[in-house]
Amino acid sequence: MSSPVRSSPLALTVLALLHNRPLHPYGIQRLIKEWGKEQVVNVGQRASLYRTIDRLNAAGLIAVRQTERGSQYPERTVYEVTGAGREAARTWLREMLAAPKREFPEFPAALSNMMLLPPAELLDVLDERLRALEKDLAGLDASLGEEEGMGLPRVTMLETEYLRAVTAAETGWVRSVVDDLRSGRLTWSREMLAAFDSGAR
């Protein structure tokens, strides 16, 4: 077995799906979308899924079960999880659940530099973000309603519950900043920032 593969949301999801049954990469990708996991796992590029499968296979966490050949589709390699893969999935899952990880998403980085825009322009772009967040929130509410209507156990809906809570919190915060910008309670100018910069030296 080669050096240990690094954990990632996509690698964990591949191992978790293979816990249920052997699958080929297309089947893994289809289940990720069918089960709504693309909300929490980036599978926008199919190549990233194949790279992850190759790394898991090289590390001995998954293995080739068989190769399917059919007239209607190209040759497909079916993978299954190994004993080492089951242990790795449990270890990664415990670590990801227990320890908050410092992540560096784009939005806080943009906020830390927002004074490059004048207040009126920032109001416009945050208003646009607020509308997108409200749309996302409505979509998550609809997803939760559908999942509850299907009688799914709550444990299968926790990721959607979490996304809904985080999106609701961000929506409320962005709305408060938009309100402060609109009312003038939050404002700045180049002169104000220059004065602060010279005073800090």
N, C-alpha and C. Protein backbone atom coordinates (compact mmCIF):
# COMPACT_ATOMS: atom_id res chain seq x y z
N MET A 1 0.85 -1.20 0.00
CA MET A 1 0.00 0.00 0.00
C MET A 1 0.88 1.24 0.00
N SER A 2 0.51 2.30 -0.74
CA SER A 2 1.30 3.52 -0.81
C SER A 2 1.04 4.39 0.41
N SER A 3 1.61 5.61 0.37
CA SER A 3 1.44 6.52 1.50
C SER A 3 -0.03 6.83 1.71
N PRO A 4 -0.43 7.13 2.97
CA PRO A 4 -1.84 7.35 3.27
C PRO A 4 -2.42 8.51 2.45
N VAL A 5 -3.65 8.35 2.01
CA VAL A 5 -4.31 9.41 1.26
C VAL A 5 -4.89 10.41 2.25
N ARG A 6 -4.85 11.68 1.88
CA ARG A 6 -5.40 12.73 2.76
C ARG A 6 -6.92 12.70 2.72
N SER A 7 -7.50 12.97 3.87
CA SER A 7 -8.96 13.02 3.92
C SER A 7 -9.46 14.25 3.18
N SER A 8 -10.67 14.14 2.65
CA SER A 8 -11.35 15.26 2.01
C SER A 8 -12.83 14.92 2.00
N PRO A 9 -13.69 15.95 1.89
CA PRO A 9 -15.12 15.65 1.83
C PRO A 9 -15.48 14.68 0.70
N LEU A 10 -14.84 14.84 -0.47
CA LEU A 10 -15.16 13.96 -1.59
C LEU A 10 -14.67 12.54 -1.34
N ALA A 11 -13.46 12.40 -0.79
CA ALA A 11 -12.93 11.05 -0.50
C ALA A 11 -13.80 10.34 0.53
N LEU A 12 -14.22 11.07 1.56
CA LEU A 12 -15.10 10.47 2.57
C LEU A 12 -16.42 10.04 1.95
N THR A 13 -16.98 10.86 1.09
CA THR A 13 -18.26 10.54 0.46
C THR A 13 -18.14 9.31 -0.43
N VAL A 14 -17.04 9.19 -1.19
CA VAL A 14 -16.83 8.01 -2.02
C VAL A 14 -16.79 6.76 -1.16
N LEU A 15 -16.02 6.81 -0.07
CA LEU A 15 -15.94 5.64 0.82
C LEU A 15 -17.30 5.32 1.43
N ALA A 16 -18.03 6.36 1.82
CA ALA A 16 -19.35 6.14 2.44
C ALA A 16 -20.31 5.49 1.46
N LEU A 17 -20.31 5.94 0.21
CA LEU A 17 -21.21 5.35 -0.78
C LEU A 17 -20.83 3.90 -1.08
N LEU A 18 -19.53 3.61 -1.08
CA LEU A 18 -19.10 2.24 -1.36
C LEU A 18 -19.34 1.32 -0.16
N HIS A 19 -19.65 1.89 1.02
CA HIS A 19 -20.06 1.06 2.15
C HIS A 19 -21.35 0.30 1.83
N ASN A 20 -22.20 0.93 1.02
CA ASN A 20 -23.51 0.33 0.73
C ASN A 20 -23.41 -0.79 -0.30
N ARG A 21 -22.66 -0.55 -1.37
CA ARG A 21 -22.51 -1.57 -2.41
C ARG A 21 -21.40 -1.15 -3.36
N PRO A 22 -20.81 -2.08 -4.09
CA PRO A 22 -19.80 -1.72 -5.10
C PRO A 22 -20.43 -0.84 -6.18
N LEU A 23 -19.65 0.10 -6.69
CA LEU A 23 -20.15 1.04 -7.69
C LEU A 23 -19.05 1.39 -8.67
N HIS A 24 -19.44 1.79 -9.87
CA HIS A 24 -18.48 2.36 -10.81
C HIS A 24 -18.53 3.89 -10.65
N PRO A 25 -17.52 4.61 -11.14
CA PRO A 25 -17.46 6.06 -10.92
C PRO A 25 -18.72 6.81 -11.35
N TYR A 26 -19.31 6.42 -12.49
CA TYR A 26 -20.53 7.09 -12.93
C TYR A 26 -21.65 6.88 -11.92
N GLY A 27 -21.74 5.67 -11.36
CA GLY A 27 -22.76 5.40 -10.35
C GLY A 27 -22.54 6.22 -9.10
N ILE A 28 -21.28 6.41 -8.71
CA ILE A 28 -20.96 7.24 -7.54
C ILE A 28 -21.41 8.67 -7.80
N GLN A 29 -21.05 9.20 -8.97
CA GLN A 29 -21.43 10.58 -9.31
C GLN A 29 -22.95 10.74 -9.34
N ARG A 30 -23.64 9.77 -9.89
CA ARG A 30 -25.11 9.84 -9.98
C ARG A 30 -25.73 9.84 -8.58
N LEU A 31 -25.23 8.98 -7.68
CA LEU A 31 -25.78 8.94 -6.32
C LEU A 31 -25.51 10.24 -5.57
N ILE A 32 -24.32 10.81 -5.77
CA ILE A 32 -24.00 12.08 -5.10
C ILE A 32 -25.06 13.13 -5.47
N LYS A 33 -25.45 13.16 -6.73
CA LYS A 33 -26.45 14.13 -7.18
C LYS A 33 -27.85 13.75 -6.72
N GLU A 34 -28.18 12.45 -6.85
CA GLU A 34 -29.52 12.01 -6.46
C GLU A 34 -29.78 12.22 -4.98
N TRP A 35 -28.76 12.02 -4.16
CA TRP A 35 -28.93 12.15 -2.72
C TRP A 35 -28.65 13.57 -2.22
N GLY A 36 -28.46 14.51 -3.15
CA GLY A 36 -28.27 15.91 -2.77
C GLY A 36 -26.94 16.22 -2.12
N LYS A 37 -25.98 15.33 -2.26
CA LYS A 37 -24.68 15.55 -1.60
C LYS A 37 -23.83 16.58 -2.32
N GLU A 38 -24.23 16.99 -3.53
CA GLU A 38 -23.46 18.02 -4.22
C GLU A 38 -23.58 19.37 -3.52
N GLN A 39 -24.54 19.46 -2.55
CA GLN A 39 -24.64 20.68 -1.73
C GLN A 39 -23.46 20.82 -0.78
N VAL A 40 -22.83 19.70 -0.42
CA VAL A 40 -21.75 19.73 0.56
C VAL A 40 -20.44 19.17 0.02
N VAL A 41 -20.46 18.59 -1.18
CA VAL A 41 -19.27 18.00 -1.79
C VAL A 41 -19.12 18.56 -3.20
N ASN A 42 -17.94 19.04 -3.51
CA ASN A 42 -17.71 19.64 -4.82
C ASN A 42 -17.42 18.56 -5.85
N VAL A 43 -18.40 18.30 -6.71
CA VAL A 43 -18.21 17.34 -7.80
C VAL A 43 -18.49 18.02 -9.14
N GLY A 44 -18.21 19.31 -9.19
CA GLY A 44 -18.44 20.05 -10.42
C GLY A 44 -17.59 19.54 -11.56
N GLN A 45 -16.38 19.09 -11.25
CA GLN A 45 -15.50 18.55 -12.27
C GLN A 45 -15.41 17.04 -12.10
N ARG A 46 -15.80 16.30 -13.15
CA ARG A 46 -15.76 14.84 -13.07
C ARG A 46 -14.33 14.34 -12.84
N ALA A 47 -13.34 15.10 -13.37
CA ALA A 47 -11.94 14.70 -13.23
C ALA A 47 -11.53 14.61 -11.76
N SER A 48 -12.09 15.48 -10.90
CA SER A 48 -11.72 15.44 -9.49
C SER A 48 -12.22 14.16 -8.84
N LEU A 49 -13.37 13.66 -9.27
CA LEU A 49 -13.88 12.39 -8.75
C LEU A 49 -12.95 11.25 -9.16
N TYR A 50 -12.55 11.23 -10.42
CA TYR A 50 -11.67 10.16 -10.89
C TYR A 50 -10.30 10.22 -10.20
N ARG A 51 -9.78 11.43 -9.96
CA ARG A 51 -8.50 11.55 -9.25
C ARG A 51 -8.63 11.01 -7.83
N THR A 52 -9.74 11.33 -7.19
CA THR A 52 -9.97 10.85 -5.82
C THR A 52 -10.07 9.33 -5.79
N ILE A 53 -10.80 8.75 -6.75
CA ILE A 53 -10.91 7.29 -6.83
C ILE A 53 -9.54 6.66 -7.06
N ASP A 54 -8.72 7.27 -7.93
CA ASP A 54 -7.38 6.74 -8.18
C ASP A 54 -6.53 6.77 -6.91
N ARG A 55 -6.62 7.85 -6.14
CA ARG A 55 -5.83 7.96 -4.90
C ARG A 55 -6.30 6.93 -3.87
N LEU A 56 -7.61 6.78 -3.74
CA LEU A 56 -8.14 5.80 -2.78
C LEU A 56 -7.73 4.38 -3.17
N ASN A 57 -7.74 4.11 -4.46
CA ASN A 57 -7.36 2.79 -4.95
C ASN A 57 -5.87 2.54 -4.71
N ALA A 58 -5.04 3.55 -5.01
CA ALA A 58 -3.59 3.40 -4.82
C ALA A 58 -3.24 3.20 -3.35
N ALA A 59 -4.03 3.82 -2.46
CA ALA A 59 -3.78 3.69 -1.02
C ALA A 59 -4.36 2.42 -0.42
N GLY A 60 -5.07 1.63 -1.22
CA GLY A 60 -5.65 0.39 -0.71
C GLY A 60 -6.93 0.58 0.07
N LEU A 61 -7.56 1.76 -0.06
CA LEU A 61 -8.81 2.01 0.68
C LEU A 61 -10.02 1.52 -0.11
N ILE A 62 -9.86 1.42 -1.42
CA ILE A 62 -10.86 0.76 -2.26
C ILE A 62 -10.12 -0.18 -3.20
N ALA A 63 -10.84 -1.10 -3.82
CA ALA A 63 -10.23 -2.06 -4.73
C ALA A 63 -11.17 -2.33 -5.89
N VAL A 64 -10.59 -2.75 -7.00
CA VAL A 64 -11.41 -3.10 -8.17
C VAL A 64 -12.15 -4.40 -7.89
N ARG A 65 -13.45 -4.35 -8.02
CA ARG A 65 -14.27 -5.54 -7.82
C ARG A 65 -14.41 -6.31 -9.13
N GLN A 66 -14.69 -5.58 -10.20
CA GLN A 66 -14.85 -6.22 -11.50
C GLN A 66 -14.87 -5.14 -12.57
N THR A 67 -14.79 -5.55 -13.80
CA THR A 67 -14.92 -4.64 -14.94
C THR A 67 -16.14 -5.06 -15.74
N GLU A 68 -17.06 -4.10 -15.89
CA GLU A 68 -18.28 -4.38 -16.64
C GLU A 68 -18.09 -4.00 -18.10
N ARG A 69 -18.54 -4.86 -18.98
CA ARG A 69 -18.49 -4.57 -20.41
C ARG A 69 -19.90 -4.72 -20.97
N GLY A 70 -20.34 -3.72 -21.69
CA GLY A 70 -21.67 -3.78 -22.29
C GLY A 70 -21.68 -3.09 -23.62
N SER A 71 -22.66 -3.38 -24.42
CA SER A 71 -22.72 -2.80 -25.76
C SER A 71 -23.22 -1.36 -25.74
N GLN A 72 -23.92 -0.97 -24.66
CA GLN A 72 -24.54 0.36 -24.62
C GLN A 72 -23.65 1.41 -23.97
N TYR A 73 -22.55 1.01 -23.32
CA TYR A 73 -21.69 1.98 -22.67
C TYR A 73 -20.26 1.46 -22.66
N PRO A 74 -19.28 2.36 -22.48
CA PRO A 74 -17.88 1.93 -22.45
C PRO A 74 -17.60 1.02 -21.25
N GLU A 75 -16.44 0.41 -21.27
CA GLU A 75 -16.02 -0.44 -20.17
C GLU A 75 -16.04 0.35 -18.86
N ARG A 76 -16.59 -0.25 -17.82
CA ARG A 76 -16.69 0.43 -16.52
C ARG A 76 -16.05 -0.41 -15.43
N THR A 77 -15.21 0.23 -14.65
CA THR A 77 -14.56 -0.44 -13.53
C THR A 77 -15.41 -0.26 -12.28
N VAL A 78 -15.74 -1.35 -11.64
CA VAL A 78 -16.55 -1.31 -10.41
C VAL A 78 -15.62 -1.43 -9.22
N TYR A 79 -15.80 -0.53 -8.24
CA TYR A 79 -14.94 -0.51 -7.05
C TYR A 79 -15.74 -0.92 -5.82
N GLU A 80 -15.01 -1.48 -4.85
CA GLU A 80 -15.60 -1.79 -3.54
C GLU A 80 -14.67 -1.26 -2.46
N VAL A 81 -15.24 -0.98 -1.29
CA VAL A 81 -14.44 -0.50 -0.18
C VAL A 81 -13.71 -1.67 0.48
N THR A 82 -12.49 -1.43 0.94
CA THR A 82 -11.72 -2.46 1.63
C THR A 82 -11.88 -2.28 3.13
N GLY A 83 -11.34 -3.24 3.89
CA GLY A 83 -11.37 -3.10 5.35
C GLY A 83 -10.63 -1.86 5.80
N ALA A 84 -9.49 -1.58 5.16
CA ALA A 84 -8.74 -0.36 5.49
C ALA A 84 -9.55 0.88 5.15
N GLY A 85 -10.33 0.81 4.07
CA GLY A 85 -11.17 1.94 3.69
C GLY A 85 -12.29 2.19 4.68
N ARG A 86 -12.86 1.12 5.21
CA ARG A 86 -13.90 1.27 6.23
C ARG A 86 -13.34 1.94 7.48
N GLU A 87 -12.15 1.53 7.88
CA GLU A 87 -11.51 2.13 9.07
C GLU A 87 -11.16 3.58 8.81
N ALA A 88 -10.62 3.87 7.60
CA ALA A 88 -10.26 5.25 7.27
C ALA A 88 -11.49 6.15 7.29
N ALA A 89 -12.61 5.66 6.74
CA ALA A 89 -13.84 6.45 6.72
C ALA A 89 -14.30 6.78 8.13
N ARG A 90 -14.23 5.80 9.02
CA ARG A 90 -14.65 6.05 10.41
C ARG A 90 -13.72 7.06 11.08
N THR A 91 -12.41 6.94 10.84
CA THR A 91 -11.45 7.87 11.43
C THR A 91 -11.67 9.28 10.91
N TRP A 92 -11.79 9.41 9.58
CA TRP A 92 -12.00 10.74 9.00
C TRP A 92 -13.30 11.35 9.49
N LEU A 93 -14.35 10.53 9.56
CA LEU A 93 -15.65 11.04 9.99
C LEU A 93 -15.58 11.57 11.42
N ARG A 94 -14.95 10.82 12.30
CA ARG A 94 -14.83 11.26 13.69
C ARG A 94 -14.04 12.57 13.77
N GLU A 95 -12.94 12.67 13.02
CA GLU A 95 -12.13 13.89 13.05
C GLU A 95 -12.90 15.09 12.51
N MET A 96 -13.61 14.89 11.39
CA MET A 96 -14.35 16.01 10.78
C MET A 96 -15.51 16.48 11.65
N LEU A 97 -16.15 15.54 12.37
CA LEU A 97 -17.26 15.90 13.23
C LEU A 97 -16.81 16.56 14.53
N ALA A 98 -15.68 16.09 15.08
CA ALA A 98 -15.27 16.52 16.42
C ALA A 98 -14.52 17.84 16.43
N ALA A 99 -13.68 18.08 15.45
CA ALA A 99 -12.78 19.23 15.52
C ALA A 99 -13.12 20.27 14.46
N PRO A 100 -13.55 21.49 14.87
CA PRO A 100 -13.77 22.54 13.88
C PRO A 100 -12.45 22.83 13.15
N LYS A 101 -12.53 22.97 11.85
CA LYS A 101 -11.33 23.18 11.04
C LYS A 101 -11.30 24.61 10.53
N ARG A 102 -10.13 25.22 10.59
CA ARG A 102 -10.00 26.57 10.04
C ARG A 102 -10.04 26.48 8.53
N GLU A 103 -11.07 27.07 7.96
CA GLU A 103 -11.22 27.09 6.52
C GLU A 103 -11.17 28.54 6.06
N PHE A 104 -10.91 28.74 4.81
CA PHE A 104 -10.72 30.09 4.30
C PHE A 104 -11.62 30.34 3.09
N PRO A 105 -12.93 30.45 3.32
CA PRO A 105 -13.86 30.72 2.22
C PRO A 105 -13.67 32.14 1.68
N GLU A 106 -14.21 32.39 0.50
CA GLU A 106 -14.03 33.66 -0.19
C GLU A 106 -14.73 34.84 0.50
N PHE A 107 -15.92 34.61 1.02
CA PHE A 107 -16.72 35.73 1.51
C PHE A 107 -16.05 36.50 2.65
N PRO A 108 -15.55 35.83 3.71
CA PRO A 108 -14.86 36.61 4.75
C PRO A 108 -13.62 37.34 4.23
N ALA A 109 -12.91 36.73 3.27
CA ALA A 109 -11.75 37.41 2.69
C ALA A 109 -12.19 38.67 1.96
N ALA A 110 -13.31 38.58 1.23
CA ALA A 110 -13.82 39.76 0.53
C ALA A 110 -14.27 40.83 1.53
N LEU A 111 -14.91 40.40 2.63
CA LEU A 111 -15.36 41.37 3.64
C LEU A 111 -14.17 42.11 4.25
N SER A 112 -13.05 41.42 4.40
CA SER A 112 -11.89 42.06 5.03
C SER A 112 -11.28 43.14 4.13
N ASN A 113 -11.69 43.16 2.86
CA ASN A 113 -11.18 44.16 1.93
C ASN A 113 -12.30 45.01 1.32
N MET A 114 -13.48 45.00 1.95
CA MET A 114 -14.64 45.63 1.33
C MET A 114 -14.51 47.15 1.24
N MET A 115 -13.60 47.76 2.01
CA MET A 115 -13.47 49.22 1.97
C MET A 115 -12.88 49.72 0.65
N LEU A 116 -12.46 48.77 -0.22
CA LEU A 116 -12.03 49.17 -1.56
C LEU A 116 -13.21 49.68 -2.39
N LEU A 117 -14.42 49.29 -2.00
CA LEU A 117 -15.62 49.75 -2.69
C LEU A 117 -16.25 50.90 -1.89
N PRO A 118 -16.85 51.85 -2.57
CA PRO A 118 -17.60 52.88 -1.84
C PRO A 118 -18.87 52.27 -1.25
N PRO A 119 -19.41 52.88 -0.18
CA PRO A 119 -20.59 52.32 0.48
C PRO A 119 -21.75 52.02 -0.46
N ALA A 120 -22.04 52.90 -1.41
CA ALA A 120 -23.19 52.69 -2.30
C ALA A 120 -22.99 51.46 -3.18
N GLU A 121 -21.75 51.23 -3.63
CA GLU A 121 -21.49 50.05 -4.46
C GLU A 121 -21.56 48.78 -3.63
N LEU A 122 -21.03 48.84 -2.40
CA LEU A 122 -21.11 47.67 -1.53
C LEU A 122 -22.56 47.34 -1.23
N LEU A 123 -23.39 48.35 -1.05
CA LEU A 123 -24.82 48.12 -0.81
C LEU A 123 -25.43 47.35 -1.98
N ASP A 124 -25.08 47.71 -3.19
CA ASP A 124 -25.62 47.03 -4.37
C ASP A 124 -25.22 45.56 -4.40
N VAL A 125 -23.93 45.28 -4.17
CA VAL A 125 -23.46 43.89 -4.29
C VAL A 125 -23.97 43.03 -3.13
N LEU A 126 -24.06 43.61 -1.92
CA LEU A 126 -24.59 42.83 -0.80
C LEU A 126 -26.09 42.62 -0.93
N ASP A 127 -26.78 43.58 -1.54
CA ASP A 127 -28.20 43.41 -1.83
C ASP A 127 -28.39 42.24 -2.79
N GLU A 128 -27.51 42.13 -3.77
CA GLU A 128 -27.55 41.02 -4.71
C GLU A 128 -27.29 39.69 -3.99
N ARG A 129 -26.30 39.69 -3.08
CA ARG A 129 -26.02 38.47 -2.31
C ARG A 129 -27.21 38.10 -1.44
N LEU A 130 -27.86 39.10 -0.85
CA LEU A 130 -29.01 38.84 0.01
C LEU A 130 -30.12 38.15 -0.76
N ARG A 131 -30.38 38.61 -1.98
CA ARG A 131 -31.42 37.98 -2.80
C ARG A 131 -31.06 36.52 -3.13
N ALA A 132 -29.77 36.28 -3.41
CA ALA A 132 -29.33 34.91 -3.69
C ALA A 132 -29.46 34.03 -2.46
N LEU A 133 -29.13 34.56 -1.29
CA LEU A 133 -29.25 33.80 -0.05
C LEU A 133 -30.71 33.46 0.25
N GLU A 134 -31.59 34.43 0.04
CA GLU A 134 -33.01 34.18 0.28
C GLU A 134 -33.54 33.10 -0.65
N LYS A 135 -33.06 33.08 -1.89
CA LYS A 135 -33.45 32.03 -2.83
C LYS A 135 -32.91 30.67 -2.37
N ASP A 136 -31.65 30.65 -1.92
CA ASP A 136 -31.06 29.40 -1.41
C ASP A 136 -31.84 28.90 -0.21
N LEU A 137 -32.22 29.82 0.68
CA LEU A 137 -32.95 29.45 1.89
C LEU A 137 -34.30 28.84 1.53
N ALA A 138 -34.98 29.42 0.57
CA ALA A 138 -36.27 28.86 0.13
C ALA A 138 -36.07 27.46 -0.45
N GLY A 139 -34.99 27.27 -1.21
CA GLY A 139 -34.70 25.96 -1.77
C GLY A 139 -34.42 24.92 -0.70
N LEU A 140 -33.67 25.32 0.33
CA LEU A 140 -33.37 24.39 1.42
C LEU A 140 -34.63 24.05 2.21
N ASP A 141 -35.50 25.03 2.42
CA ASP A 141 -36.78 24.77 3.09
C ASP A 141 -37.61 23.77 2.28
N ALA A 142 -37.60 23.95 0.95
CA ALA A 142 -38.35 23.04 0.09
C ALA A 142 -37.76 21.63 0.16
N SER A 143 -36.43 21.54 0.16
CA SER A 143 -35.77 20.22 0.25
C SER A 143 -36.12 19.52 1.55
N LEU A 144 -36.07 20.27 2.66
CA LEU A 144 -36.41 19.68 3.95
C LEU A 144 -37.85 19.20 3.96
N GLY A 145 -38.74 20.00 3.38
CA GLY A 145 -40.14 19.61 3.32
C GLY A 145 -40.35 18.34 2.51
N GLU A 146 -39.64 18.23 1.39
CA GLU A 146 -39.75 17.02 0.56
C GLU A 146 -39.21 15.80 1.30
N GLU A 147 -38.06 15.98 1.96
CA GLU A 147 -37.45 14.85 2.67
C GLU A 147 -38.34 14.38 3.82
N GLU A 148 -38.93 15.36 4.55
CA GLU A 148 -39.83 14.98 5.63
C GLU A 148 -41.07 14.29 5.08
N GLY A 149 -41.56 14.78 3.93
CA GLY A 149 -42.74 14.18 3.31
C GLY A 149 -42.50 12.75 2.85
N MET A 150 -41.24 12.43 2.55
CA MET A 150 -40.89 11.07 2.13
C MET A 150 -40.75 10.13 3.32
N GLY A 151 -40.81 10.71 4.54
CA GLY A 151 -40.70 9.89 5.74
C GLY A 151 -39.27 9.44 6.03
N LEU A 152 -38.28 10.19 5.51
CA LEU A 152 -36.88 9.81 5.75
C LEU A 152 -36.53 10.02 7.21
N PRO A 153 -35.67 9.18 7.78
CA PRO A 153 -35.22 9.40 9.16
C PRO A 153 -34.41 10.69 9.25
N ARG A 154 -34.50 11.37 10.38
CA ARG A 154 -33.86 12.68 10.52
C ARG A 154 -32.35 12.62 10.28
N VAL A 155 -31.71 11.51 10.62
CA VAL A 155 -30.25 11.42 10.48
C VAL A 155 -29.84 11.63 9.02
N THR A 156 -30.71 11.32 8.07
CA THR A 156 -30.37 11.51 6.66
C THR A 156 -30.57 12.95 6.21
N MET A 157 -31.16 13.79 7.09
CA MET A 157 -31.45 15.17 6.72
C MET A 157 -30.57 16.18 7.45
N LEU A 158 -29.64 15.70 8.29
CA LEU A 158 -28.87 16.62 9.13
C LEU A 158 -28.03 17.58 8.31
N GLU A 159 -27.46 17.13 7.19
CA GLU A 159 -26.64 18.04 6.38
C GLU A 159 -27.49 19.18 5.84
N THR A 160 -28.75 18.88 5.43
CA THR A 160 -29.64 19.93 4.93
C THR A 160 -30.06 20.85 6.07
N GLU A 161 -30.32 20.28 7.25
CA GLU A 161 -30.64 21.11 8.42
C GLU A 161 -29.50 22.08 8.72
N TYR A 162 -28.28 21.56 8.68
CA TYR A 162 -27.10 22.40 8.97
C TYR A 162 -26.97 23.51 7.94
N LEU A 163 -27.07 23.16 6.67
CA LEU A 163 -26.96 24.18 5.62
C LEU A 163 -28.05 25.22 5.76
N ARG A 164 -29.24 24.78 6.16
CA ARG A 164 -30.35 25.72 6.33
C ARG A 164 -30.04 26.69 7.48
N ALA A 165 -29.51 26.15 8.59
CA ALA A 165 -29.19 27.00 9.75
C ALA A 165 -28.08 28.00 9.41
N VAL A 166 -27.04 27.55 8.72
CA VAL A 166 -25.93 28.43 8.35
C VAL A 166 -26.40 29.49 7.36
N THR A 167 -27.20 29.09 6.38
CA THR A 167 -27.70 30.03 5.38
C THR A 167 -28.62 31.05 6.02
N ALA A 168 -29.46 30.60 6.97
CA ALA A 168 -30.36 31.53 7.66
C ALA A 168 -29.55 32.55 8.48
N ALA A 169 -28.49 32.08 9.14
CA ALA A 169 -27.67 32.98 9.94
C ALA A 169 -26.98 34.01 9.04
N GLU A 170 -26.44 33.56 7.92
CA GLU A 170 -25.77 34.50 7.02
C GLU A 170 -26.78 35.48 6.42
N THR A 171 -27.96 34.98 6.08
CA THR A 171 -29.00 35.85 5.52
C THR A 171 -29.35 36.96 6.49
N GLY A 172 -29.53 36.61 7.77
CA GLY A 172 -29.86 37.61 8.77
C GLY A 172 -28.75 38.63 8.94
N TRP A 173 -27.50 38.16 8.93
CA TRP A 173 -26.37 39.07 9.12
C TRP A 173 -26.21 39.99 7.92
N VAL A 174 -26.27 39.45 6.72
CA VAL A 174 -26.14 40.28 5.52
C VAL A 174 -27.27 41.30 5.46
N ARG A 175 -28.48 40.88 5.83
CA ARG A 175 -29.61 41.81 5.83
C ARG A 175 -29.36 42.98 6.79
N SER A 176 -28.76 42.69 7.96
CA SER A 176 -28.48 43.76 8.92
C SER A 176 -27.43 44.73 8.39
N VAL A 177 -26.42 44.21 7.69
CA VAL A 177 -25.40 45.09 7.10
C VAL A 177 -26.01 45.93 5.99
N VAL A 178 -26.84 45.31 5.15
CA VAL A 178 -27.53 46.06 4.09
C VAL A 178 -28.37 47.18 4.70
N ASP A 179 -29.09 46.88 5.77
CA ASP A 179 -29.91 47.91 6.44
C ASP A 179 -29.04 49.04 6.97
N ASP A 180 -27.88 48.68 7.56
CA ASP A 180 -26.98 49.72 8.10
C ASP A 180 -26.38 50.57 6.98
N LEU A 181 -26.05 49.95 5.85
CA LEU A 181 -25.54 50.72 4.71
C LEU A 181 -26.62 51.65 4.16
N ARG A 182 -27.83 51.14 4.07
CA ARG A 182 -28.93 51.92 3.49
C ARG A 182 -29.28 53.12 4.37
N SER A 183 -29.20 52.93 5.69
CA SER A 183 -29.55 54.01 6.62
C SER A 183 -28.39 54.97 6.88
N GLY A 184 -27.18 54.58 6.49
CA GLY A 184 -26.02 55.43 6.74
C GLY A 184 -25.33 55.13 8.06
N ARG A 185 -25.84 54.15 8.82
CA ARG A 185 -25.17 53.80 10.08
C ARG A 185 -23.79 53.18 9.82
N LEU A 186 -23.61 52.58 8.65
CA LEU A 186 -22.31 52.04 8.25
C LEU A 186 -21.86 52.81 7.03
N THR A 187 -20.76 53.55 7.18
CA THR A 187 -20.24 54.32 6.06
C THR A 187 -18.76 54.54 6.25
N TRP A 188 -18.08 54.95 5.21
CA TRP A 188 -16.66 55.27 5.25
C TRP A 188 -16.32 56.09 4.01
N SER A 189 -15.15 56.66 4.04
CA SER A 189 -14.65 57.41 2.89
C SER A 189 -13.15 57.23 2.82
N ARG A 190 -12.57 57.59 1.69
CA ARG A 190 -11.12 57.49 1.57
C ARG A 190 -10.44 58.35 2.62
N GLU A 191 -11.02 59.53 2.85
CA GLU A 191 -10.42 60.44 3.82
C GLU A 191 -10.44 59.83 5.22
N MET A 192 -11.57 59.21 5.58
CA MET A 192 -11.69 58.58 6.90
C MET A 192 -10.65 57.47 7.05
N LEU A 193 -10.52 56.64 6.03
CA LEU A 193 -9.59 55.52 6.10
C LEU A 193 -8.14 56.02 6.11
N ALA A 194 -7.87 57.09 5.33
CA ALA A 194 -6.52 57.65 5.31
C ALA A 194 -6.16 58.23 6.66
N ALA A 195 -7.12 58.90 7.31
CA ALA A 195 -6.86 59.47 8.63
C ALA A 195 -6.59 58.39 9.65
N PHE A 196 -7.35 57.29 9.57
CA PHE A 196 -7.13 56.18 10.48
C PHE A 196 -5.77 55.53 10.24
N ASP A 197 -5.38 55.41 8.96
CA ASP A 197 -4.11 54.79 8.61
C ASP A 197 -2.95 55.63 9.11
N SER A 198 -3.05 56.96 8.96
CA SER A 198 -1.95 57.80 9.42
C SER A 198 -1.86 57.84 10.93
N GLY A 199 -3.02 57.73 11.60
CA GLY A 199 -3.01 57.72 13.05
C GLY A 199 -2.49 56.44 13.65
N ALA A 200 -2.54 55.35 12.87
CA ALA A 200 -2.09 54.06 13.37
C ALA A 200 -0.59 53.89 13.26
N ARG A 201 0.10 54.79 12.56
CA ARG A 201 1.55 54.67 12.38
C ARG A 201 2.31 55.17 13.58
